Amino acid sequence: MANGQPDLIIFDCDGVLVDSELLSCQCLSEVLAESGFELSVEQALDLFLGRSTAAIGQYYRERGQILPDEFLLRLKSRVLGTFGEALQPIPGINAVVSALKVPYCVASSSDLDRVALSLNVTGLAPHFGDRLYTAQMVKHGKPAPDLFLYAAGKMQVDPARTLVIEDSVSGVQAAKAAGMTVWGFVGGGHYRARDGRAILSGAGADRVFARMSDFWKDA
């Protein structure tokens, strides 16, 4: 997408459509602690932002530690319950998607039921319908390009004409590996105490912005 508007916009969900990253990392830290593993919220953000839950188990296996069999179920239950009570949309996102004139969809590392709940709780679900694609649908999650290429294929759009909106290093890397343009978004609560602009620019984002009201500004 060298010039002009894209033919497709792919939104990540967590941290782009919904302000969920701090909530989910808090849940992860709590459930790990209950299983005897110490991990701060800040460490969770550094290690797993934009990654699937499979990456959590892999991280500990590589260090010779095995999480309890029920860990992922307990984590999922905690996250879904917390989202149902406290999840909020990213400010301004409803206005952005309402005004879009090009096709758009979601491609998320989260499980499909978590994405669906997130969009339902925040009132965003009607915008996206069934155009929800998740890491469960591909062999390799972010930072591999598989998910974004899968979504573009389903939407029947050339990856080179696709714009991705991402908030994580792994997501930015995945979009670039897919040959797509990627804008980094740093307006989520998890970037209040971190230099998100430097983090996502360093990962290769073509542009970084902090407010949805600036979505097309200087684009």
C-alpha atoms as a PDB file:
ATOM      1  CA  MET A   1       0.000   0.000   0.000  1.00  0.00           C
ATOM      2  CA  ALA A   2       2.363   2.686  -1.219  1.00  0.00           C
ATOM      3  CA  ASN A   3      -0.171   5.476  -1.637  1.00  0.00           C
ATOM      4  CA  GLY A   4      -3.825   6.198  -0.986  1.00  0.00           C
ATOM      5  CA  GLN A   5      -6.340   4.298   1.113  1.00  0.00           C
ATOM      6  CA  PRO A   6      -5.958   0.555   1.621  1.00  0.00           C
ATOM      7  CA  ASP A   7      -8.308  -2.073   0.219  1.00  0.00           C
ATOM      8  CA  LEU A   8      -8.576  -3.690   3.658  1.00  0.00           C
ATOM      9  CA  ILE A   9      -7.955  -2.664   7.268  1.00  0.00           C
ATOM     10  CA  ILE A  10      -7.162  -5.393   9.802  1.00  0.00           C
ATOM     11  CA  PHE A  11      -7.590  -4.444  13.440  1.00  0.00           C
ATOM     12  CA  ASP A  12      -5.962  -6.294  16.279  1.00  0.00           C
ATOM     13  CA  CYS A  13      -8.473  -6.572  19.125  1.00  0.00           C
ATOM     14  CA  ASP A  14      -6.733  -6.305  22.499  1.00  0.00           C
ATOM     15  CA  GLY A  15      -5.227  -2.865  22.986  1.00  0.00           C
ATOM     16  CA  VAL A  16      -6.610  -1.554  19.680  1.00  0.00           C
ATOM     17  CA  LEU A  17     -10.377  -2.041  19.793  1.00  0.00           C
ATOM     18  CA  VAL A  18     -10.691  -2.709  23.524  1.00  0.00           C
ATOM     19  CA  ASP A  19      -8.530  -1.518  26.426  1.00  0.00           C
ATOM     20  CA  SER A  20      -7.842  -5.011  27.685  1.00  0.00           C
ATOM     21  CA  GLU A  21      -4.108  -5.555  27.943  1.00  0.00           C
ATOM     22  CA  LEU A  22      -3.632  -4.414  31.554  1.00  0.00           C
ATOM     23  CA  LEU A  23      -6.693  -6.395  32.629  1.00  0.00           C
ATOM     24  CA  SER A  24      -5.530  -9.597  30.932  1.00  0.00           C
ATOM     25  CA  CYS A  25      -1.957  -9.275  32.240  1.00  0.00           C
ATOM     26  CA  GLN A  26      -3.271  -8.689  35.749  1.00  0.00           C
ATOM     27  CA  CYS A  27      -5.319 -11.873  35.420  1.00  0.00           C
ATOM     28  CA  LEU A  28      -2.282 -13.768  34.144  1.00  0.00           C
ATOM     29  CA  SER A  29      -0.124 -12.573  37.024  1.00  0.00           C
ATOM     30  CA  GLU A  30      -2.799 -13.548  39.567  1.00  0.00           C
ATOM     31  CA  VAL A  31      -3.474 -17.028  38.170  1.00  0.00           C
ATOM     32  CA  LEU A  32       0.251 -17.749  37.871  1.00  0.00           C
ATOM     33  CA  ALA A  33       0.729 -16.701  41.495  1.00  0.00           C
ATOM     34  CA  GLU A  34      -2.043 -19.081  42.555  1.00  0.00           C
ATOM     35  CA  SER A  35      -0.082 -21.849  40.792  1.00  0.00           C
ATOM     36  CA  GLY A  36       3.203 -20.909  42.474  1.00  0.00           C
ATOM     37  CA  PHE A  37       4.753 -18.867  39.677  1.00  0.00           C
ATOM     38  CA  GLU A  38       5.831 -15.275  40.215  1.00  0.00           C
ATOM     39  CA  LEU A  39       5.341 -12.878  37.289  1.00  0.00           C
ATOM     40  CA  SER A  40       4.577  -9.184  37.598  1.00  0.00           C
ATOM     41  CA  VAL A  41       2.104  -7.376  35.364  1.00  0.00           C
ATOM     42  CA  GLU A  42       5.008  -5.461  33.816  1.00  0.00           C
ATOM     43  CA  GLN A  43       6.844  -8.709  33.049  1.00  0.00           C
ATOM     44  CA  ALA A  44       3.672 -10.183  31.572  1.00  0.00           C
ATOM     45  CA  LEU A  45       3.361  -7.183  29.260  1.00  0.00           C
ATOM     46  CA  ASP A  46       6.986  -7.492  28.165  1.00  0.00           C
ATOM     47  CA  LEU A  47       6.785 -11.225  27.549  1.00  0.00           C
ATOM     48  CA  PHE A  48       3.293 -11.882  26.235  1.00  0.00           C
ATOM     49  CA  LEU A  49       1.797  -8.693  24.803  1.00  0.00           C
ATOM     50  CA  GLY A  50       0.207  -9.638  21.493  1.00  0.00           C
ATOM     51  CA  ARG A  51       0.962 -13.346  21.929  1.00  0.00           C
ATOM     52  CA  SER A  52      -1.412 -16.280  22.187  1.00  0.00           C
ATOM     53  CA  THR A  53      -1.925 -18.288  25.385  1.00  0.00           C
ATOM     54  CA  ALA A  54       0.128 -21.074  23.804  1.00  0.00           C
ATOM     55  CA  ALA A  55       3.166 -18.808  24.153  1.00  0.00           C
ATOM     56  CA  ILE A  56       2.761 -18.830  27.942  1.00  0.00           C
ATOM     57  CA  GLY A  57       3.081 -22.584  28.224  1.00  0.00           C
ATOM     58  CA  GLN A  58       5.975 -22.603  25.753  1.00  0.00           C
ATOM     59  CA  TYR A  59       7.830 -19.948  27.764  1.00  0.00           C
ATOM     60  CA  TYR A  60       7.699 -22.014  30.943  1.00  0.00           C
ATOM     61  CA  ARG A  61       8.446 -25.337  29.216  1.00  0.00           C
ATOM     62  CA  GLU A  62      11.605 -23.834  27.760  1.00  0.00           C
ATOM     63  CA  ARG A  63      12.666 -23.086  31.326  1.00  0.00           C
ATOM     64  CA  GLY A  64      11.921 -26.576  32.575  1.00  0.00           C
ATOM     65  CA  GLN A  65       8.717 -25.558  34.338  1.00  0.00           C
ATOM     66  CA  ILE A  66       5.330 -27.085  33.644  1.00  0.00           C
ATOM     67  CA  LEU A  67       2.115 -25.214  34.317  1.00  0.00           C
ATOM     68  CA  PRO A  68      -0.754 -27.142  35.950  1.00  0.00           C
ATOM     69  CA  ASP A  69      -3.128 -28.936  33.575  1.00  0.00           C
ATOM     70  CA  GLU A  70      -6.014 -26.664  34.548  1.00  0.00           C
ATOM     71  CA  PHE A  71      -4.000 -23.449  34.235  1.00  0.00           C
ATOM     72  CA  LEU A  72      -5.319 -22.264  30.868  1.00  0.00           C
ATOM     73  CA  LEU A  73      -8.921 -23.007  31.809  1.00  0.00           C
ATOM     74  CA  ARG A  74      -8.534 -21.058  35.042  1.00  0.00           C
ATOM     75  CA  LEU A  75      -6.877 -18.178  33.215  1.00  0.00           C
ATOM     76  CA  LYS A  76      -9.593 -18.098  30.570  1.00  0.00           C
ATOM     77  CA  SER A  77     -12.316 -18.091  33.227  1.00  0.00           C
ATOM     78  CA  ARG A  78     -10.613 -15.264  35.130  1.00  0.00           C
ATOM     79  CA  VAL A  79     -10.124 -13.158  32.001  1.00  0.00           C
ATOM     80  CA  LEU A  80     -13.685 -13.620  30.735  1.00  0.00           C
ATOM     81  CA  GLY A  81     -15.121 -12.762  34.140  1.00  0.00           C
ATOM     82  CA  THR A  82     -12.945  -9.671  34.473  1.00  0.00           C
ATOM     83  CA  PHE A  83     -13.763  -8.491  30.955  1.00  0.00           C
ATOM     84  CA  GLY A  84     -17.473  -8.909  31.609  1.00  0.00           C
ATOM     85  CA  GLU A  85     -17.181  -6.590  34.604  1.00  0.00           C
ATOM     86  CA  ALA A  86     -14.561  -4.016  33.606  1.00  0.00           C
ATOM     87  CA  LEU A  87     -13.672  -4.010  29.902  1.00  0.00           C
ATOM     88  CA  GLN A  88     -14.014  -0.723  28.025  1.00  0.00           C
ATOM     89  CA  PRO A  89     -13.635   0.143  24.317  1.00  0.00           C
ATOM     90  CA  ILE A  90     -10.690   2.235  23.215  1.00  0.00           C
ATOM     91  CA  PRO A  91     -11.940   5.864  23.224  1.00  0.00           C
ATOM     92  CA  GLY A  92     -12.959   6.968  19.749  1.00  0.00           C
ATOM     93  CA  ILE A  93     -12.859   3.536  18.099  1.00  0.00           C
ATOM     94  CA  ASN A  94     -16.606   3.417  17.482  1.00  0.00           C
ATOM     95  CA  ALA A  95     -16.438   6.647  15.469  1.00  0.00           C
ATOM     96  CA  VAL A  96     -13.481   5.351  13.445  1.00  0.00           C
ATOM     97  CA  VAL A  97     -15.064   2.069  12.358  1.00  0.00           C
ATOM     98  CA  SER A  98     -18.452   3.713  11.794  1.00  0.00           C
ATOM     99  CA  ALA A  99     -16.867   6.058   9.256  1.00  0.00           C
ATOM    100  CA  LEU A 100     -14.782   3.518   7.339  1.00  0.00           C
ATOM    101  CA  LYS A 101     -15.505   3.205   3.616  1.00  0.00           C
ATOM    102  CA  VAL A 102     -13.215   0.213   3.018  1.00  0.00           C
ATOM    103  CA  PRO A 103     -13.619  -3.404   4.185  1.00  0.00           C
ATOM    104  CA  TYR A 104     -12.240  -4.213   7.633  1.00  0.00           C
ATOM    105  CA  CYS A 105     -11.949  -7.168  10.005  1.00  0.00           C
ATOM    106  CA  VAL A 106     -10.325  -8.375  13.231  1.00  0.00           C
ATOM    107  CA  ALA A 107      -7.232 -10.589  13.496  1.00  0.00           C
ATOM    108  CA  SER A 108      -6.342 -11.419  17.099  1.00  0.00           C
ATOM    109  CA  SER A 109      -4.030 -13.708  19.051  1.00  0.00           C
ATOM    110  CA  SER A 110      -6.840 -14.256  21.553  1.00  0.00           C
ATOM    111  CA  ASP A 111      -9.291 -17.150  21.368  1.00  0.00           C
ATOM    112  CA  LEU A 112     -12.443 -16.572  19.346  1.00  0.00           C
ATOM    113  CA  ASP A 113     -14.768 -16.632  22.361  1.00  0.00           C
ATOM    114  CA  ARG A 114     -12.648 -14.007  24.120  1.00  0.00           C
ATOM    115  CA  VAL A 115     -12.694 -11.767  21.039  1.00  0.00           C
ATOM    116  CA  ALA A 116     -16.455 -12.207  20.674  1.00  0.00           C
ATOM    117  CA  LEU A 117     -17.022 -11.395  24.355  1.00  0.00           C
ATOM    118  CA  SER A 118     -14.759  -8.335  24.146  1.00  0.00           C
ATOM    119  CA  LEU A 119     -16.670  -6.934  21.192  1.00  0.00           C
ATOM    120  CA  ASN A 120     -20.057  -7.734  22.700  1.00  0.00           C
ATOM    121  CA  VAL A 121     -19.270  -6.193  26.084  1.00  0.00           C
ATOM    122  CA  THR A 122     -18.004  -2.989  24.477  1.00  0.00           C
ATOM    123  CA  GLY A 123     -20.782  -2.684  21.888  1.00  0.00           C
ATOM    124  CA  LEU A 124     -18.445  -3.126  18.922  1.00  0.00           C
ATOM    125  CA  ALA A 125     -19.686  -6.529  17.741  1.00  0.00           C
ATOM    126  CA  PRO A 126     -22.219  -5.203  15.165  1.00  0.00           C
ATOM    127  CA  HIS A 127     -19.399  -3.473  13.288  1.00  0.00           C
ATOM    128  CA  PHE A 128     -17.495  -6.701  12.637  1.00  0.00           C
ATOM    129  CA  GLY A 129     -20.093  -9.442  12.272  1.00  0.00           C
ATOM    130  CA  ASP A 130     -18.365 -12.751  11.589  1.00  0.00           C
ATOM    131  CA  ARG A 131     -15.193 -11.137  10.210  1.00  0.00           C
ATOM    132  CA  LEU A 132     -13.197 -12.362  13.207  1.00  0.00           C
ATOM    133  CA  TYR A 133      -9.957 -14.286  12.660  1.00  0.00           C
ATOM    134  CA  THR A 134      -7.844 -15.679  15.481  1.00  0.00           C
ATOM    135  CA  ALA A 135      -4.619 -17.549  16.136  1.00  0.00           C
ATOM    136  CA  GLN A 136      -6.681 -20.736  16.587  1.00  0.00           C
ATOM    137  CA  MET A 137      -7.234 -20.720  12.826  1.00  0.00           C
ATOM    138  CA  VAL A 138      -3.556 -20.891  11.784  1.00  0.00           C
ATOM    139  CA  LYS A 139      -0.514 -23.020  12.582  1.00  0.00           C
ATOM    140  CA  HIS A 140       1.761 -20.222  13.753  1.00  0.00           C
ATOM    141  CA  GLY A 141       0.627 -17.169  15.713  1.00  0.00           C
ATOM    142  CA  LYS A 142       2.187 -13.723  15.769  1.00  0.00           C
ATOM    143  CA  PRO A 143       4.997 -12.758  15.159  1.00  0.00           C
ATOM    144  CA  ALA A 144       4.630 -15.173  12.229  1.00  0.00           C
ATOM    145  CA  PRO A 145       2.632 -13.661   9.329  1.00  0.00           C
ATOM    146  CA  ASP A 146       0.159 -16.562   9.099  1.00  0.00           C
ATOM    147  CA  LEU A 147      -2.824 -14.928  10.799  1.00  0.00           C
ATOM    148  CA  PHE A 148      -2.704 -11.707   8.813  1.00  0.00           C
ATOM    149  CA  LEU A 149      -2.226 -13.580   5.539  1.00  0.00           C
ATOM    150  CA  TYR A 150      -5.167 -15.831   6.465  1.00  0.00           C
ATOM    151  CA  ALA A 151      -7.384 -12.831   7.206  1.00  0.00           C
ATOM    152  CA  ALA A 152      -6.434 -11.093   3.950  1.00  0.00           C
ATOM    153  CA  GLY A 153      -7.125 -14.313   2.064  1.00  0.00           C
ATOM    154  CA  LYS A 154     -10.555 -14.670   3.648  1.00  0.00           C
ATOM    155  CA  MET A 155     -11.302 -11.034   2.811  1.00  0.00           C
ATOM    156  CA  GLN A 156      -9.949 -11.602  -0.743  1.00  0.00           C
ATOM    157  CA  VAL A 157      -7.526  -8.666  -0.619  1.00  0.00           C
ATOM    158  CA  ASP A 158      -3.870  -8.436  -1.667  1.00  0.00           C
ATOM    159  CA  PRO A 159      -1.618  -8.251   1.432  1.00  0.00           C
ATOM    160  CA  ALA A 160       0.261  -5.374  -0.184  1.00  0.00           C
ATOM    161  CA  ARG A 161      -2.999  -3.388  -0.212  1.00  0.00           C
ATOM    162  CA  THR A 162      -3.742  -4.133   3.447  1.00  0.00           C
ATOM    163  CA  LEU A 163      -3.315  -1.866   6.477  1.00  0.00           C
ATOM    164  CA  VAL A 164      -2.907  -3.410   9.942  1.00  0.00           C
ATOM    165  CA  ILE A 165      -3.521  -1.586  13.227  1.00  0.00           C
ATOM    166  CA  GLU A 166      -1.456  -3.149  16.015  1.00  0.00           C
ATOM    167  CA  ASP A 167      -0.314  -2.361  19.550  1.00  0.00           C
ATOM    168  CA  SER A 168       2.360  -5.020  20.088  1.00  0.00           C
ATOM    169  CA  VAL A 169       5.847  -5.754  18.824  1.00  0.00           C
ATOM    170  CA  SER A 170       4.850  -9.265  17.773  1.00  0.00           C
ATOM    171  CA  GLY A 171       1.857  -7.888  15.879  1.00  0.00           C
ATOM    172  CA  VAL A 172       3.920  -5.272  14.077  1.00  0.00           C
ATOM    173  CA  GLN A 173       6.496  -7.896  13.146  1.00  0.00           C
ATOM    174  CA  ALA A 174       3.775 -10.235  11.880  1.00  0.00           C
ATOM    175  CA  ALA A 175       2.233  -7.545   9.686  1.00  0.00           C
ATOM    176  CA  LYS A 176       5.579  -6.553   8.195  1.00  0.00           C
ATOM    177  CA  ALA A 177       6.418 -10.208   7.540  1.00  0.00           C
ATOM    178  CA  ALA A 178       3.092 -10.467   5.699  1.00  0.00           C
ATOM    179  CA  GLY A 179       4.087  -7.579   3.415  1.00  0.00           C
ATOM    180  CA  MET A 180       1.464  -5.246   4.856  1.00  0.00           C
ATOM    181  CA  THR A 181       1.528  -1.639   5.995  1.00  0.00           C
ATOM    182  CA  VAL A 182       1.223  -1.416   9.772  1.00  0.00           C
ATOM    183  CA  TRP A 183       0.347   1.453  12.088  1.00  0.00           C
ATOM    184  CA  GLY A 184       1.207   1.136  15.747  1.00  0.00           C
ATOM    185  CA  PHE A 185      -1.411   2.292  18.241  1.00  0.00           C
ATOM    186  CA  VAL A 186      -0.243   3.340  21.714  1.00  0.00           C
ATOM    187  CA  GLY A 187      -3.449   4.700  23.239  1.00  0.00           C
ATOM    188  CA  GLY A 188      -4.196   1.691  25.446  1.00  0.00           C
ATOM    189  CA  GLY A 189      -3.744   1.786  29.203  1.00  0.00           C
ATOM    190  CA  HIS A 190      -0.720  -0.511  29.026  1.00  0.00           C
ATOM    191  CA  TYR A 191       1.338   2.264  27.395  1.00  0.00           C
ATOM    192  CA  ARG A 192       0.734   4.937  30.037  1.00  0.00           C
ATOM    193  CA  ALA A 193       4.042   4.116  31.726  1.00  0.00           C
ATOM    194  CA  ARG A 194       5.939   2.830  28.679  1.00  0.00           C
ATOM    195  CA  ASP A 195       7.402   4.527  25.607  1.00  0.00           C
ATOM    196  CA  GLY A 196       5.126   2.829  23.132  1.00  0.00           C
ATOM    197  CA  ARG A 197       6.139   5.086  20.274  1.00  0.00           C
ATOM    198  CA  ALA A 198       9.772   4.008  20.537  1.00  0.00           C
ATOM    199  CA  ILE A 199       8.813   0.360  21.110  1.00  0.00           C
ATOM    200  CA  LEU A 200       6.575   0.044  18.031  1.00  0.00           C
ATOM    201  CA  SER A 201       8.708   2.256  15.791  1.00  0.00           C
ATOM    202  CA  GLY A 202      11.656   0.068  16.691  1.00  0.00           C
ATOM    203  CA  ALA A 203       9.657  -3.006  15.717  1.00  0.00           C
ATOM    204  CA  GLY A 204       9.087  -1.552  12.235  1.00  0.00           C
ATOM    205  CA  ALA A 205       5.733   0.243  12.416  1.00  0.00           C
ATOM    206  CA  ASP A 206       5.215   2.561   9.450  1.00  0.00           C
ATOM    207  CA  ARG A 207       3.440   5.074  11.683  1.00  0.00           C
ATOM    208  CA  VAL A 208       2.598   5.333  15.390  1.00  0.00           C
ATOM    209  CA  PHE A 209      -0.376   7.225  16.826  1.00  0.00           C
ATOM    210  CA  ALA A 210      -1.940   7.555  20.271  1.00  0.00           C
ATOM    211  CA  ARG A 211      -5.544   8.723  19.724  1.00  0.00           C
ATOM    212  CA  MET A 212      -8.216   7.205  17.520  1.00  0.00           C
ATOM    213  CA  SER A 213      -9.336  10.739  16.695  1.00  0.00           C
ATOM    214  CA  ASP A 214      -6.021  11.036  14.820  1.00  0.00           C
ATOM    215  CA  PHE A 215      -6.589   7.820  12.823  1.00  0.00           C
ATOM    216  CA  TRP A 216      -6.238   9.440   9.393  1.00  0.00           C
ATOM    217  CA  LYS A 217      -4.242  12.502  10.526  1.00  0.00           C
ATOM    218  CA  ASP A 218      -0.931  12.825   8.631  1.00  0.00           C
ATOM    219  CA  ALA A 219      -1.466   9.318   7.264  1.00  0.00           C
END
